[in-house]
């Protein structure tokens, strides 16, 4: 009932910026909270940012001050603006949505921070 597609990843130098996008389709009115996660090879998937339907956001210390999550409820899109990127930010970034039907995940988009 809900499908998610991420985009905007790529190769960026340390200190650079990227803006990730996640487009939801299907029953977007059913979506409540949304979030971004990331996973590097050999690591656990970790939370990057969350945003409620009302716009309340939360960030872990690893990205706090460098990342901003935002959303457009009408369009069913969520964004992740990442600034001052560091090599440790390198990972596959996944979009997550909680809806009336359960949890939904995108296929992921690769972010590589390297000089």
PDB file of N, CA and C in Angstrom:
ATOM      1  N   UNK A   1       0.806  -1.210   0.000  1.00  0.00           N
ATOM      2  CA  UNK A   1       0.000   0.000   0.000  1.00  0.00           C
ATOM      3  C   UNK A   1       0.845   1.269   0.000  1.00  0.00           C
ATOM      4  N   UNK A   2       2.100   1.169   0.449  1.00  0.00           N
ATOM      5  CA  UNK A   2       3.025   2.292   0.471  1.00  0.00           C
ATOM      6  C   UNK A   2       4.359   1.837  -0.088  1.00  0.00           C
ATOM      7  N   UNK A   3       4.886   2.597  -1.033  1.00  0.00           N
ATOM      8  CA  UNK A   3       6.192   2.329  -1.610  1.00  0.00           C
ATOM      9  C   UNK A   3       7.087   3.548  -1.419  1.00  0.00           C
ATOM     10  N   UNK A   4       8.376   3.311  -1.172  1.00  0.00           N
ATOM     11  CA  UNK A   4       9.332   4.374  -0.924  1.00  0.00           C
ATOM     12  C   UNK A   4      10.508   4.240  -1.880  1.00  0.00           C
ATOM     13  N   UNK A   5      10.943   5.360  -2.442  1.00  0.00           N
ATOM     14  CA  UNK A   5      12.088   5.383  -3.343  1.00  0.00           C
ATOM     15  C   UNK A   5      13.014   6.519  -2.938  1.00  0.00           C
ATOM     16  N   UNK A   6      14.260   6.183  -2.578  1.00  0.00           N
ATOM     17  CA  UNK A   6      15.246   7.183  -2.194  1.00  0.00           C
ATOM     18  C   UNK A   6      16.039   7.647  -3.409  1.00  0.00           C
ATOM     19  N   UNK A   7      16.565   8.862  -3.322  1.00  0.00           N
ATOM     20  CA  UNK A   7      17.436   9.402  -4.349  1.00  0.00           C
ATOM     21  C   UNK A   7      18.304  10.492  -3.739  1.00  0.00           C
ATOM     22  N   UNK A   8      19.323  10.912  -4.469  1.00  0.00           N
ATOM     23  CA  UNK A   8      20.165  12.010  -4.030  1.00  0.00           C
ATOM     24  C   UNK A   8      21.522  11.618  -3.494  1.00  0.00           C
ATOM     25  N   UNK A   9      21.784  10.330  -3.358  1.00  0.00           N
ATOM     26  CA  UNK A   9      23.078   9.894  -2.879  1.00  0.00           C
ATOM     27  C   UNK A   9      24.157  10.095  -3.926  1.00  0.00           C
ATOM     28  N   UNK A  10      25.399   9.907  -3.514  1.00  0.00           N
ATOM     29  CA  UNK A  10      26.506  10.059  -4.427  1.00  0.00           C
ATOM     30  C   UNK A  10      27.819  10.197  -3.694  1.00  0.00           C
ATOM     31  N   UNK A  11      28.842  10.593  -4.435  1.00  0.00           N
ATOM     32  CA  UNK A  11      30.179  10.793  -3.895  1.00  0.00           C
ATOM     33  C   UNK A  11      30.386  12.266  -3.578  1.00  0.00           C
ATOM     34  N   UNK A  12      30.836  12.543  -2.371  1.00  0.00           N
ATOM     35  CA  UNK A  12      31.071  13.915  -1.945  1.00  0.00           C
ATOM     36  C   UNK A  12      32.345  13.967  -1.105  1.00  0.00           C
ATOM     37  N   UNK A  13      33.052  15.079  -1.178  1.00  0.00           N
ATOM     38  CA  UNK A  13      34.267  15.248  -0.393  1.00  0.00           C
ATOM     39  C   UNK A  13      33.939  15.608   1.052  1.00  0.00           C
ATOM     40  N   UNK A  14      34.839  15.283   1.984  1.00  0.00           N
ATOM     41  CA  UNK A  14      34.612  15.693   3.371  1.00  0.00           C
ATOM     42  C   UNK A  14      34.348  17.190   3.467  1.00  0.00           C
ATOM     43  N   UNK A  15      33.366  17.539   4.286  1.00  0.00           N
ATOM     44  CA  UNK A  15      32.957  18.922   4.415  1.00  0.00           C
ATOM     45  C   UNK A  15      31.868  19.333   3.450  1.00  0.00           C
ATOM     46  N   UNK A  16      31.557  18.480   2.500  1.00  0.00           N
ATOM     47  CA  UNK A  16      30.530  18.782   1.522  1.00  0.00           C
ATOM     48  C   UNK A  16      29.130  18.514   2.039  1.00  0.00           C
ATOM     49  N   UNK A  17      28.155  18.697   1.154  1.00  0.00           N
ATOM     50  CA  UNK A  17      26.752  18.553   1.519  1.00  0.00           C
ATOM     51  C   UNK A  17      26.012  17.709   0.499  1.00  0.00           C
ATOM     52  N   UNK A  18      24.964  17.060   0.953  1.00  0.00           N
ATOM     53  CA  UNK A  18      24.054  16.310   0.103  1.00  0.00           C
ATOM     54  C   UNK A  18      22.646  16.473   0.627  1.00  0.00           C
ATOM     55  N   UNK A  19      21.688  16.392  -0.276  1.00  0.00           N
ATOM     56  CA  UNK A  19      20.282  16.421   0.093  1.00  0.00           C
ATOM     57  C   UNK A  19      19.625  15.159  -0.449  1.00  0.00           C
ATOM     58  N   UNK A  20      19.236  14.276   0.440  1.00  0.00           N
ATOM     59  CA  UNK A  20      18.573  13.044   0.068  1.00  0.00           C
ATOM     60  C   UNK A  20      17.071  13.252   0.022  1.00  0.00           C
ATOM     61  N   UNK A  21      16.421  12.564  -0.909  1.00  0.00           N
ATOM     62  CA  UNK A  21      14.978  12.642  -1.047  1.00  0.00           C
ATOM     63  C   UNK A  21      14.380  11.248  -0.968  1.00  0.00           C
ATOM     64  N   UNK A  22      13.170  11.173  -0.450  1.00  0.00           N
ATOM     65  CA  UNK A  22      12.425   9.928  -0.392  1.00  0.00           C
ATOM     66  C   UNK A  22      11.014  10.215  -0.857  1.00  0.00           C
ATOM     67  N   UNK A  23      10.616   9.580  -1.941  1.00  0.00           N
ATOM     68  CA  UNK A  23       9.288   9.774  -2.501  1.00  0.00           C
ATOM     69  C   UNK A  23       8.399   8.589  -2.158  1.00  0.00           C
ATOM     70  N   UNK A  24       7.295   8.864  -1.505  1.00  0.00           N
ATOM     71  CA  UNK A  24       6.323   7.835  -1.161  1.00  0.00           C
ATOM     72  C   UNK A  24       5.207   7.814  -2.188  1.00  0.00           C
ATOM     73  N   UNK A  25       4.702   6.634  -2.460  1.00  0.00           N
ATOM     74  CA  UNK A  25       3.569   6.483  -3.359  1.00  0.00           C
ATOM     75  C   UNK A  25       2.611   5.461  -2.776  1.00  0.00           C
ATOM     76  N   UNK A  26       1.419   5.423  -3.307  1.00  0.00           N
ATOM     77  CA  UNK A  26       0.380   4.565  -2.766  1.00  0.00           C
ATOM     78  C   UNK A  26      -0.512   5.354  -1.827  1.00  0.00           C
ATOM     79  N   UNK A  27      -0.824   4.760  -0.695  1.00  0.00           N
ATOM     80  CA  UNK A  27      -1.704   5.392   0.280  1.00  0.00           C
ATOM     81  C   UNK A  27      -0.892   6.300   1.204  1.00  0.00           C
ATOM     82  N   UNK A  28      -0.446   7.436   0.681  1.00  0.00           N
ATOM     83  CA  UNK A  28       0.410   8.323   1.463  1.00  0.00           C
ATOM     84  C   UNK A  28      -0.329   8.954   2.635  1.00  0.00           C
ATOM     85  N   UNK A  29      -1.654   9.011   2.578  1.00  0.00           N
ATOM     86  CA  UNK A  29      -2.411   9.568   3.696  1.00  0.00           C
ATOM     87  C   UNK A  29      -2.321   8.684   4.926  1.00  0.00           C
ATOM     88  N   UNK A  30      -1.909   7.442   4.749  1.00  0.00           N
ATOM     89  CA  UNK A  30      -1.807   6.505   5.855  1.00  0.00           C
ATOM     90  C   UNK A  30      -0.500   6.636   6.627  1.00  0.00           C
ATOM     91  N   UNK A  31       0.438   7.433   6.133  1.00  0.00           N
ATOM     92  CA  UNK A  31       1.766   7.539   6.725  1.00  0.00           C
ATOM     93  C   UNK A  31       1.752   8.425   7.963  1.00  0.00           C
ATOM     94  N   UNK A  32       2.387   7.939   9.012  1.00  0.00           N
ATOM     95  CA  UNK A  32       2.548   8.716  10.235  1.00  0.00           C
ATOM     96  C   UNK A  32       4.001   9.188  10.350  1.00  0.00           C
ATOM     97  N   UNK A  33       4.796   8.541  11.198  1.00  0.00           N
ATOM     98  CA  UNK A  33       6.183   8.950  11.357  1.00  0.00           C
ATOM     99  C   UNK A  33       7.044   8.482  10.184  1.00  0.00           C
ATOM    100  N   UNK A  34       8.086   9.255   9.892  1.00  0.00           N
ATOM    101  CA  UNK A  34       9.060   8.876   8.882  1.00  0.00           C
ATOM    102  C   UNK A  34      10.458   9.044   9.462  1.00  0.00           C
ATOM    103  N   UNK A  35      11.418   8.377   8.856  1.00  0.00           N
ATOM    104  CA  UNK A  35      12.773   8.403   9.393  1.00  0.00           C
ATOM    105  C   UNK A  35      13.786   8.061   8.313  1.00  0.00           C
ATOM    106  N   UNK A  36      15.026   8.414   8.576  1.00  0.00           N
ATOM    107  CA  UNK A  36      16.162   7.992   7.777  1.00  0.00           C
ATOM    108  C   UNK A  36      17.065   7.116   8.638  1.00  0.00           C
ATOM    109  N   UNK A  37      17.507   6.009   8.074  1.00  0.00           N
ATOM    110  CA  UNK A  37      18.479   5.118   8.686  1.00  0.00           C
ATOM    111  C   UNK A  37      19.664   4.977   7.749  1.00  0.00           C
ATOM    112  N   UNK A  38      20.772   4.468   8.269  1.00  0.00           N
ATOM    113  CA  UNK A  38      21.923   4.188   7.424  1.00  0.00           C
ATOM    114  C   UNK A  38      22.611   2.922   7.890  1.00  0.00           C
ATOM    115  N   UNK A  39      23.300   2.277   6.963  1.00  0.00           N
ATOM    116  CA  UNK A  39      24.011   1.054   7.279  1.00  0.00           C
ATOM    117  C   UNK A  39      25.270   0.957   6.439  1.00  0.00           C
ATOM    118  N   UNK A  40      26.402   0.845   7.109  1.00  0.00           N
ATOM    119  CA  UNK A  40      27.681   0.623   6.453  1.00  0.00           C
ATOM    120  C   UNK A  40      28.002  -0.865   6.497  1.00  0.00           C
ATOM    121  N   UNK A  41      28.812  -1.367   5.559  1.00  0.00           N
ATOM    122  CA  UNK A  41      29.158  -2.791   5.561  1.00  0.00           C
ATOM    123  C   UNK A  41      29.738  -3.240   6.897  1.00  0.00           C
ATOM    124  N   UNK A  42      29.204  -4.324   7.441  1.00  0.00           N
ATOM    125  CA  UNK A  42      29.672  -4.853   8.707  1.00  0.00           C
ATOM    126  C   UNK A  42      29.098  -4.177   9.931  1.00  0.00           C
ATOM    127  N   UNK A  43      28.310  -3.135   9.730  1.00  0.00           N
ATOM    128  CA  UNK A  43      27.727  -2.394  10.844  1.00  0.00           C
ATOM    129  C   UNK A  43      26.228  -2.647  10.949  1.00  0.00           C
ATOM    130  N   UNK A  44      25.690  -2.335  12.114  1.00  0.00           N
ATOM    131  CA  UNK A  44      24.253  -2.399  12.310  1.00  0.00           C
ATOM    132  C   UNK A  44      23.586  -1.200  11.650  1.00  0.00           C
ATOM    133  N   UNK A  45      22.354  -1.370  11.248  1.00  0.00           N
ATOM    134  CA  UNK A  45      21.603  -0.246  10.726  1.00  0.00           C
ATOM    135  C   UNK A  45      21.313   0.721  11.876  1.00  0.00           C
ATOM    136  N   UNK A  46      21.613   1.992  11.682  1.00  0.00           N
ATOM    137  CA  UNK A  46      21.445   2.967  12.737  1.00  0.00           C
ATOM    138  C   UNK A  46      20.527   4.099  12.314  1.00  0.00           C
ATOM    139  N   UNK A  47      19.847   4.637  13.286  1.00  0.00           N
ATOM    140  CA  UNK A  47      18.933   5.739  13.052  1.00  0.00           C
ATOM    141  C   UNK A  47      19.705   7.029  12.804  1.00  0.00           C
ATOM    142  N   UNK A  48      19.280   7.796  11.809  1.00  0.00           N
ATOM    143  CA  UNK A  48      19.894   9.072  11.487  1.00  0.00           C
ATOM    144  C   UNK A  48      18.999  10.231  11.910  1.00  0.00           C
ATOM    145  N   UNK A  49      17.712  10.120  11.647  1.00  0.00           N
ATOM    146  CA  UNK A  49      16.780  11.191  11.982  1.00  0.00           C
ATOM    147  C   UNK A  49      15.359  10.670  11.925  1.00  0.00           C
ATOM    148  N   UNK A  50      14.493  11.252  12.739  1.00  0.00           N
ATOM    149  CA  UNK A  50      13.074  10.921  12.718  1.00  0.00           C
ATOM    150  C   UNK A  50      12.256  12.195  12.644  1.00  0.00           C
ATOM    151  N   UNK A  51      11.073  12.079  12.074  1.00  0.00           N
ATOM    152  CA  UNK A  51      10.157  13.204  12.017  1.00  0.00           C
ATOM    153  C   UNK A  51       8.734  12.680  12.106  1.00  0.00           C
ATOM    154  N   UNK A  52       7.955  13.265  13.000  1.00  0.00           N
ATOM    155  CA  UNK A  52       6.569  12.861  13.158  1.00  0.00           C
ATOM    156  C   UNK A  52       5.711  13.525  12.102  1.00  0.00           C
ATOM    157  N   UNK A  53       4.455  13.113  12.043  1.00  0.00           N
ATOM    158  CA  UNK A  53       3.521  13.708  11.101  1.00  0.00           C
ATOM    159  C   UNK A  53       3.358  15.201  11.370  1.00  0.00           C
ATOM    160  N   UNK A  54       3.481  15.594  12.640  1.00  0.00           N
ATOM    161  CA  UNK A  54       3.368  16.989  13.015  1.00  0.00           C
ATOM    162  C   UNK A  54       4.641  17.794  12.871  1.00  0.00           C
ATOM    163  N   UNK A  55       5.748  17.145  12.494  1.00  0.00           N
ATOM    164  CA  UNK A  55       6.978  17.858  12.248  1.00  0.00           C
ATOM    165  C   UNK A  55       7.998  17.842  13.370  1.00  0.00           C
ATOM    166  N   UNK A  56       7.753  17.104  14.435  1.00  0.00           N
ATOM    167  CA  UNK A  56       8.732  16.999  15.510  1.00  0.00           C
ATOM    168  C   UNK A  56       9.897  16.126  15.062  1.00  0.00           C
ATOM    169  N   UNK A  57      11.123  16.593  15.272  1.00  0.00           N
ATOM    170  CA  UNK A  57      12.312  15.892  14.805  1.00  0.00           C
ATOM    171  C   UNK A  57      13.201  15.467  15.958  1.00  0.00           C
ATOM    172  N   UNK A  58      13.973  14.417  15.719  1.00  0.00           N
ATOM    173  CA  UNK A  58      14.958  13.935  16.674  1.00  0.00           C
ATOM    174  C   UNK A  58      16.179  13.440  15.911  1.00  0.00           C
ATOM    175  N   UNK A  59      17.365  13.623  16.513  1.00  0.00           N
ATOM    176  CA  UNK A  59      18.623  13.230  15.893  1.00  0.00           C
ATOM    177  C   UNK A  59      19.542  12.613  16.932  1.00  0.00           C
ATOM    178  N   UNK A  60      20.305  11.600  16.549  1.00  0.00           N
ATOM    179  CA  UNK A  60      21.340  11.095  17.454  1.00  0.00           C
ATOM    180  C   UNK A  60      22.534  12.037  17.464  1.00  0.00           C
ATOM    181  N   UNK A  61      23.389  11.885  18.465  1.00  0.00           N
ATOM    182  CA  UNK A  61      24.535  12.777  18.614  1.00  0.00           C
ATOM    183  C   UNK A  61      25.472  12.745  17.410  1.00  0.00           C
ATOM    184  N   UNK A  62      25.548  11.620  16.724  1.00  0.00           N
ATOM    185  CA  UNK A  62      26.473  11.484  15.612  1.00  0.00           C
ATOM    186  C   UNK A  62      26.197  12.467  14.480  1.00  0.00           C
ATOM    187  N   UNK A  63      24.947  12.893  14.326  1.00  0.00           N
ATOM    188  CA  UNK A  63      24.595  13.782  13.226  1.00  0.00           C
ATOM    189  C   UNK A  63      23.973  15.085  13.687  1.00  0.00           C
ATOM    190  N   UNK A  64      23.689  15.200  14.960  1.00  0.00           N
ATOM    191  CA  UNK A  64      23.029  16.388  15.473  1.00  0.00           C
ATOM    192  C   UNK A  64      23.845  17.632  15.153  1.00  0.00           C
ATOM    193  N   UNK A  65      23.178  18.628  14.578  1.00  0.00           N
ATOM    194  CA  UNK A  65      23.836  19.851  14.189  1.00  0.00           C
ATOM    195  C   UNK A  65      24.307  19.855  12.755  1.00  0.00           C
ATOM    196  N   UNK A  66      24.373  18.699  12.109  1.00  0.00           N
ATOM    197  CA  UNK A  66      24.823  18.593  10.729  1.00  0.00           C
ATOM    198  C   UNK A  66      23.723  18.144   9.778  1.00  0.00           C
ATOM    199  N   UNK A  67      22.679  17.514  10.305  1.00  0.00           N
ATOM    200  CA  UNK A  67      21.605  16.983   9.479  1.00  0.00           C
ATOM    201  C   UNK A  67      20.267  17.598   9.851  1.00  0.00           C
ATOM    202  N   UNK A  68      19.420  17.742   8.848  1.00  0.00           N
ATOM    203  CA  UNK A  68      18.076  18.255   9.059  1.00  0.00           C
ATOM    204  C   UNK A  68      17.094  17.417   8.255  1.00  0.00           C
ATOM    205  N   UNK A  69      16.102  16.863   8.933  1.00  0.00           N
ATOM    206  CA  UNK A  69      15.060  16.105   8.268  1.00  0.00           C
ATOM    207  C   UNK A  69      13.827  16.983   8.122  1.00  0.00           C
ATOM    208  N   UNK A  70      13.155  16.874   6.995  1.00  0.00           N
ATOM    209  CA  UNK A  70      11.941  17.636   6.748  1.00  0.00           C
ATOM    210  C   UNK A  70      11.000  16.797   5.902  1.00  0.00           C
ATOM    211  N   UNK A  71       9.740  17.219   5.817  1.00  0.00           N
ATOM    212  CA  UNK A  71       8.771  16.436   5.056  1.00  0.00           C
ATOM    213  C   UNK A  71       7.677  17.320   4.491  1.00  0.00           C
ATOM    214  N   UNK A  72       7.037  16.811   3.453  1.00  0.00           N
ATOM    215  CA  UNK A  72       5.872  17.420   2.855  1.00  0.00           C
ATOM    216  C   UNK A  72       4.788  16.359   2.899  1.00  0.00           C
ATOM    217  N   UNK A  73       3.879  16.482   3.845  1.00  0.00           N
ATOM    218  CA  UNK A  73       2.861  15.454   4.041  1.00  0.00           C
ATOM    219  C   UNK A  73       1.946  15.300   2.828  1.00  0.00           C
ATOM    220  N   UNK A  74       1.609  16.406   2.194  1.00  0.00           N
ATOM    221  CA  UNK A  74       0.705  16.354   1.053  1.00  0.00           C
ATOM    222  C   UNK A  74       1.311  15.592  -0.116  1.00  0.00           C
ATOM    223  N   UNK A  75       2.612  15.776  -0.329  1.00  0.00           N
ATOM    224  CA  UNK A  75       3.291  15.112  -1.437  1.00  0.00           C
ATOM    225  C   UNK A  75       3.834  13.746  -1.057  1.00  0.00           C
ATOM    226  N   UNK A  76       3.876  13.464   0.239  1.00  0.00           N
ATOM    227  CA  UNK A  76       4.413  12.192   0.683  1.00  0.00           C
ATOM    228  C   UNK A  76       5.910  12.080   0.507  1.00  0.00           C
ATOM    229  N   UNK A  77       6.625  13.184   0.702  1.00  0.00           N
ATOM    230  CA  UNK A  77       8.071  13.190   0.537  1.00  0.00           C
ATOM    231  C   UNK A  77       8.758  13.556   1.837  1.00  0.00           C
ATOM    232  N   UNK A  78       9.938  13.019   2.033  1.00  0.00           N
ATOM    233  CA  UNK A  78      10.767  13.346   3.179  1.00  0.00           C
ATOM    234  C   UNK A  78      12.183  13.581   2.679  1.00  0.00           C
ATOM    235  N   UNK A  79      12.881  14.533   3.315  1.00  0.00           N
ATOM    236  CA  UNK A  79      14.208  14.927   2.867  1.00  0.00           C
ATOM    237  C   UNK A  79      15.195  14.833   4.024  1.00  0.00           C
ATOM    238  N   UNK A  80      16.449  14.668   3.678  1.00  0.00           N
ATOM    239  CA  UNK A  80      17.524  14.706   4.656  1.00  0.00           C
ATOM    240  C   UNK A  80      18.631  15.585   4.100  1.00  0.00           C
ATOM    241  N   UNK A  81      18.789  16.772   4.669  1.00  0.00           N
ATOM    242  CA  UNK A  81      19.869  17.672   4.306  1.00  0.00           C
ATOM    243  C   UNK A  81      21.065  17.364   5.188  1.00  0.00           C
ATOM    244  N   UNK A  82      22.186  17.024   4.579  1.00  0.00           N
ATOM    245  CA  UNK A  82      23.389  16.675   5.311  1.00  0.00           C
ATOM    246  C   UNK A  82      24.498  17.652   4.964  1.00  0.00           C
ATOM    247  N   UNK A  83      25.055  18.281   5.978  1.00  0.00           N
ATOM    248  CA  UNK A  83      26.126  19.247   5.806  1.00  0.00           C
ATOM    249  C   UNK A  83      27.374  18.795   6.558  1.00  0.00           C
ATOM    250  N   UNK A  84      28.506  19.375   6.195  1.00  0.00           N
ATOM    251  CA  UNK A  84      29.780  19.049   6.841  1.00  0.00           C
ATOM    252  C   UNK A  84      29.963  17.539   6.936  1.00  0.00           C
ATOM    253  N   UNK A  85      29.824  16.871   5.815  1.00  0.00           N
ATOM    254  CA  UNK A  85      29.886  15.416   5.797  1.00  0.00           C
ATOM    255  C   UNK A  85      31.282  14.909   6.135  1.00  0.00           C
ATOM    256  N   UNK A  86      31.320  13.786   6.823  1.00  0.00           N
ATOM    257  CA  UNK A  86      32.551  13.167   7.267  1.00  0.00           C
ATOM    258  C   UNK A  86      32.657  11.762   6.683  1.00  0.00           C
ATOM    259  N   UNK A  87      33.875  11.221   6.573  1.00  0.00           N
ATOM    260  CA  UNK A  87      34.014   9.856   6.040  1.00  0.00           C
ATOM    261  C   UNK A  87      33.165   8.831   6.788  1.00  0.00           C
ATOM    262  N   UNK A  88      32.980   9.008   8.085  1.00  0.00           N
ATOM    263  CA  UNK A  88      32.180   8.070   8.852  1.00  0.00           C
ATOM    264  C   UNK A  88      30.689   8.138   8.521  1.00  0.00           C
ATOM    265  N   UNK A  89      30.282   9.112   7.718  1.00  0.00           N
ATOM    266  CA  UNK A  89      28.904   9.179   7.255  1.00  0.00           C
ATOM    267  C   UNK A  89      28.661   8.254   6.063  1.00  0.00           C
ATOM    268  N   UNK A  90      29.711   7.674   5.517  1.00  0.00           N
ATOM    269  CA  UNK A  90      29.581   6.780   4.370  1.00  0.00           C
ATOM    270  C   UNK A  90      28.727   5.571   4.728  1.00  0.00           C
ATOM    271  N   UNK A  91      27.670   5.342   3.963  1.00  0.00           N
ATOM    272  CA  UNK A  91      26.744   4.245   4.224  1.00  0.00           C
ATOM    273  C   UNK A  91      25.661   4.246   3.161  1.00  0.00           C
ATOM    274  N   UNK A  92      24.857   3.198   3.168  1.00  0.00           N
ATOM    275  CA  UNK A  92      23.624   3.193   2.405  1.00  0.00           C
ATOM    276  C   UNK A  92      22.542   3.789   3.288  1.00  0.00           C
ATOM    277  N   UNK A  93      21.864   4.791   2.778  1.00  0.00           N
ATOM    278  CA  UNK A  93      20.835   5.481   3.538  1.00  0.00           C
ATOM    279  C   UNK A  93      19.458   4.997   3.109  1.00  0.00           C
ATOM    280  N   UNK A  94      18.640   4.631   4.094  1.00  0.00           N
ATOM    281  CA  UNK A  94      17.318   4.069   3.848  1.00  0.00           C
ATOM    282  C   UNK A  94      16.227   4.968   4.407  1.00  0.00           C
ATOM    283  N   UNK A  95      15.174   5.098   3.661  1.00  0.00           N
ATOM    284  CA  UNK A  95      13.984   5.813   4.103  1.00  0.00           C
ATOM    285  C   UNK A  95      13.023   4.830   4.763  1.00  0.00           C
ATOM    286  N   UNK A  96      12.402   5.252   5.848  1.00  0.00           N
ATOM    287  CA  UNK A  96      11.441   4.425   6.569  1.00  0.00           C
ATOM    288  C   UNK A  96      10.166   5.212   6.813  1.00  0.00           C
ATOM    289  N   UNK A  97       9.044   4.534   6.710  1.00  0.00           N
ATOM    290  CA  UNK A  97       7.755   5.157   6.992  1.00  0.00           C
ATOM    291  C   UNK A  97       6.899   4.207   7.802  1.00  0.00           C
ATOM    292  N   UNK A  98       6.245   4.746   8.803  1.00  0.00           N
ATOM    293  CA  UNK A  98       5.276   3.993   9.593  1.00  0.00           C
ATOM    294  C   UNK A  98       3.886   4.421   9.154  1.00  0.00           C
ATOM    295  N   UNK A  99       3.076   3.464   8.754  1.00  0.00           N
ATOM    296  CA  UNK A  99       1.743   3.747   8.264  1.00  0.00           C
ATOM    297  C   UNK A  99       0.724   2.894   8.989  1.00  0.00           C
ATOM    298  N   UNK A 100      -0.526   3.086   8.609  1.00  0.00           N
ATOM    299  CA  UNK A 100      -1.592   2.259   9.156  1.00  0.00           C
ATOM    300  C   UNK A 100      -1.337   0.775   8.884  1.00  0.00           C
ATOM    301  N   UNK A 101      -0.580   0.474   7.833  1.00  0.00           N
ATOM    302  CA  UNK A 101      -0.372  -0.895   7.393  1.00  0.00           C
ATOM    303  C   UNK A 101       0.881  -1.531   7.969  1.00  0.00           C
ATOM    304  N   UNK A 102       1.732  -0.741   8.617  1.00  0.00           N
ATOM    305  CA  UNK A 102       2.971  -1.260   9.166  1.00  0.00           C
ATOM    306  C   UNK A 102       4.161  -0.404   8.787  1.00  0.00           C
ATOM    307  N   UNK A 103       5.351  -1.016   8.803  1.00  0.00           N
ATOM    308  CA  UNK A 103       6.591  -0.327   8.457  1.00  0.00           C
ATOM    309  C   UNK A 103       6.962  -0.578   7.006  1.00  0.00           C
ATOM    310  N   UNK A 104       7.509   0.463   6.362  1.00  0.00           N
ATOM    311  CA  UNK A 104       7.885   0.381   4.963  1.00  0.00           C
ATOM    312  C   UNK A 104       9.301   0.913   4.794  1.00  0.00           C
ATOM    313  N   UNK A 105      10.052   0.305   3.885  1.00  0.00           N
ATOM    314  CA  UNK A 105      11.436   0.673   3.631  1.00  0.00           C
ATOM    315  C   UNK A 105      11.686   0.876   2.150  1.00  0.00           C
ATOM    316  N   UNK A 106      12.559   1.823   1.844  1.00  0.00           N
ATOM    317  CA  UNK A 106      13.015   2.001   0.481  1.00  0.00           C
ATOM    318  C   UNK A 106      14.178   1.082   0.178  1.00  0.00           C
ATOM    319  N   UNK A 107      14.687   1.158  -1.035  1.00  0.00           N
ATOM    320  CA  UNK A 107      15.780   0.288  -1.461  1.00  0.00           C
ATOM    321  C   UNK A 107      17.149   0.808  -1.046  1.00  0.00           C
ATOM    322  N   UNK A 108      17.224   2.063  -0.634  1.00  0.00           N
ATOM    323  CA  UNK A 108      18.460   2.656  -0.186  1.00  0.00           C
ATOM    324  C   UNK A 108      19.174   3.447  -1.265  1.00  0.00           C
ATOM    325  N   UNK A 109      19.965   4.422  -0.837  1.00  0.00           N
ATOM    326  CA  UNK A 109      20.799   5.202  -1.739  1.00  0.00           C
ATOM    327  C   UNK A 109      22.182   5.350  -1.117  1.00  0.00           C
ATOM    328  N   UNK A 110      23.215   5.149  -1.921  1.00  0.00           N
ATOM    329  CA  UNK A 110      24.588   5.129  -1.422  1.00  0.00           C
ATOM    330  C   UNK A 110      25.125   6.539  -1.245  1.00  0.00           C
ATOM    331  N   UNK A 111      25.702   6.791  -0.078  1.00  0.00           N
ATOM    332  CA  UNK A 111      26.416   8.035   0.200  1.00  0.00           C
ATOM    333  C   UNK A 111      27.860   7.679   0.520  1.00  0.00           C
ATOM    334  N   UNK A 112      28.780   8.240  -0.239  1.00  0.00           N
ATOM    335  CA  UNK A 112      30.200   8.000  -0.021  1.00  0.00           C
ATOM    336  C   UNK A 112      30.904   9.327   0.199  1.00  0.00           C
ATOM    337  N   UNK A 113      31.556   9.464   1.338  1.00  0.00           N
ATOM    338  CA  UNK A 113      32.292  10.682   1.684  1.00  0.00           C
ATOM    339  C   UNK A 113      33.773  10.344   1.667  1.00  0.00           C
ATOM    340  N   UNK A 114      34.475  10.868   0.696  1.00  0.00           N
ATOM    341  CA  UNK A 114      35.886  10.532   0.523  1.00  0.00           C
ATOM    342  C   UNK A 114      36.583  11.614  -0.278  1.00  0.00           C
ATOM    343  N   UNK A 115      37.855  11.808   0.019  1.00  0.00           N
ATOM    344  CA  UNK A 115      38.670  12.735  -0.743  1.00  0.00           C
ATOM    345  C   UNK A 115      39.407  12.024  -1.864  1.00  0.00           C
TER     346      UNK A 115
END
